[in-house]
Amino acid sequence: MALQITVAPDAAAAPFEQIRAQIAERARSGALPVGYKLPTVRGFAEELGLAANTVAKAYRALEADGVIETRGRHGSFIAAAGDAARRQAAEAARTYAQRARRLGLDRAAALAAVEDAVRAAYGDQDGA
């Protein structure tokens, strides 16, 4: 299975972000299965006609998001995203709760701030 990624030079999003978004979406949808080996940074950059640093930046962002995992010289692979995403979301929630408490917010105010942020991020989808 070849990794079909297109980078539009005139797009509003930076090339690394286009790569990151396309790989993340394909991993989420299952089009790129868990364990799929991604091309090397240099090889993929050459294939796309981009600088290696651009692809490396996309891979670093994907790894930080738990979408891929890098196994040293063995390469980068699609990770089991559900577990990593849940762990990272739980950690972000713990960090937020601790910060809100230090700021003196009560529980209702802290939860209201989260609701506002989620509504802004996801759009108002009738509570979904």
Protein backbone atom coordinates (compact mmCIF):
# COMPACT_ATOMS: atom_id res chain seq x y z
CA MET A 1 0.00 0.00 0.00
CA ALA A 2 1.54 3.29 -1.10
CA LEU A 3 1.09 6.40 1.00
CA GLN A 4 -0.71 8.86 -1.27
CA ILE A 5 -0.22 12.36 0.14
CA THR A 6 -0.62 15.53 -1.85
CA VAL A 7 0.80 18.89 -0.86
CA ALA A 8 -0.75 21.96 -2.45
CA PRO A 9 1.84 24.76 -2.58
CA ASP A 10 -0.88 27.43 -2.74
CA ALA A 11 -2.90 26.07 0.21
CA ALA A 12 -3.37 28.17 3.33
CA ALA A 13 -1.93 25.39 5.52
CA ALA A 14 1.83 24.92 5.62
CA PRO A 15 3.17 21.82 3.83
CA PHE A 16 4.06 20.05 7.11
CA GLU A 17 0.51 20.65 8.36
CA GLN A 18 -0.97 19.25 5.15
CA ILE A 19 1.12 16.10 5.58
CA ARG A 20 0.23 15.83 9.29
CA ALA A 21 -3.50 16.29 8.68
CA GLN A 22 -3.69 13.78 5.81
CA ILE A 23 -1.79 11.06 7.68
CA ALA A 24 -3.80 11.67 10.87
CA GLU A 25 -7.11 11.48 9.00
CA ARG A 26 -6.12 8.27 7.21
CA ALA A 27 -4.97 6.72 10.48
CA ARG A 28 -8.25 7.74 12.18
CA SER A 29 -10.36 6.34 9.34
CA GLY A 30 -8.45 3.06 9.25
CA ALA A 31 -7.16 3.66 5.70
CA LEU A 32 -3.69 3.43 7.29
CA PRO A 33 -3.91 0.47 9.68
CA VAL A 34 -2.16 0.19 13.03
CA GLY A 35 1.40 -0.97 12.39
CA TYR A 36 1.62 0.47 8.86
CA LYS A 37 5.23 1.52 8.26
CA LEU A 38 5.60 5.08 7.01
CA PRO A 39 8.26 6.00 4.46
CA THR A 40 11.56 7.33 5.78
CA VAL A 41 11.70 11.08 6.28
CA ARG A 42 14.29 11.56 3.54
CA GLY A 43 12.60 9.22 1.08
CA PHE A 44 9.17 10.75 1.63
CA ALA A 45 10.57 14.28 1.36
CA GLU A 46 12.22 13.39 -1.93
CA GLU A 47 9.00 11.81 -3.21
CA LEU A 48 7.02 14.95 -2.30
CA GLY A 49 9.70 17.36 -3.52
CA LEU A 50 10.04 18.93 -0.07
CA ALA A 51 12.83 19.52 2.40
CA ALA A 52 13.47 16.65 4.82
CA ASN A 53 12.88 19.06 7.73
CA THR A 54 9.30 19.62 6.51
CA VAL A 55 8.47 15.91 6.65
CA ALA A 56 10.37 15.51 9.92
CA LYS A 57 8.28 18.30 11.46
CA ALA A 58 5.06 16.54 10.36
CA TYR A 59 6.27 13.23 11.80
CA ARG A 60 7.22 14.91 15.12
CA ALA A 61 3.74 16.47 15.35
CA LEU A 62 2.10 13.12 14.56
CA GLU A 63 4.22 11.41 17.20
CA ALA A 64 3.37 14.08 19.77
CA ASP A 65 -0.33 13.49 18.99
CA GLY A 66 0.07 9.72 19.41
CA VAL A 67 -0.82 9.01 15.78
CA ILE A 68 2.55 7.45 14.96
CA GLU A 69 5.36 5.89 16.95
CA THR A 70 9.00 5.89 16.01
CA ARG A 71 10.98 2.75 16.74
CA GLY A 72 14.54 3.97 16.34
CA ARG A 73 16.21 2.72 13.19
CA HIS A 74 13.22 0.49 12.43
CA GLY A 75 11.18 3.49 11.31
CA SER A 76 7.87 5.17 12.05
CA PHE A 77 4.59 3.29 12.26
CA ILE A 78 0.90 4.07 12.69
CA ALA A 79 0.16 3.70 16.41
CA ALA A 80 -2.92 2.39 18.16
CA ALA A 81 -4.30 5.92 18.28
CA GLY A 82 -7.30 5.35 20.53
CA ASP A 83 -5.25 4.45 23.60
CA ALA A 84 -2.68 7.20 23.07
CA ALA A 85 -5.38 9.80 22.39
CA ARG A 86 -7.29 8.86 25.55
CA ARG A 87 -4.13 8.95 27.66
CA GLN A 88 -3.13 12.36 26.29
CA ALA A 89 -6.63 13.75 26.76
CA ALA A 90 -6.70 12.49 30.36
CA GLU A 91 -3.32 14.09 31.04
CA ALA A 92 -4.47 17.39 29.50
CA ALA A 93 -7.62 17.27 31.63
CA ARG A 94 -5.59 16.64 34.82
CA THR A 95 -3.27 19.52 34.00
CA TYR A 96 -6.23 21.83 33.30
CA ALA A 97 -8.04 20.83 36.52
CA GLN A 98 -4.93 21.50 38.60
CA ARG A 99 -4.38 24.87 36.95
CA ALA A 100 -8.03 25.91 37.30
CA ARG A 101 -7.92 25.05 41.00
CA ARG A 102 -4.67 27.05 41.49
CA LEU A 103 -6.37 30.00 39.77
CA GLY A 104 -9.13 29.81 42.34
CA LEU A 105 -11.95 28.68 40.04
CA ASP A 106 -14.68 26.64 41.65
CA ARG A 107 -15.79 23.37 40.06
CA ALA A 108 -18.71 24.94 38.16
CA ALA A 109 -16.54 27.70 36.68
CA ALA A 110 -13.84 25.21 35.67
CA LEU A 111 -16.39 22.96 33.96
CA ALA A 112 -18.04 25.95 32.26
CA ALA A 113 -14.67 27.00 30.83
CA VAL A 114 -14.17 23.47 29.47
CA GLU A 115 -17.65 23.47 27.93
CA ASP A 116 -16.94 26.82 26.24
CA ALA A 117 -13.61 25.56 24.88
CA VAL A 118 -15.13 22.31 23.58
CA ARG A 119 -18.02 24.18 21.98
CA ALA A 120 -15.54 26.52 20.27
CA ALA A 121 -13.35 23.64 19.08
CA TYR A 122 -16.10 21.33 17.85
CA GLY A 123 -18.81 23.82 16.99
CA ASP A 124 -22.20 23.72 18.67
CA GLN A 125 -23.40 20.26 17.67
CA ASP A 126 -26.36 19.95 20.08
CA GLY A 127 -24.12 18.69 22.86
CA ALA A 128 -22.44 16.07 20.70
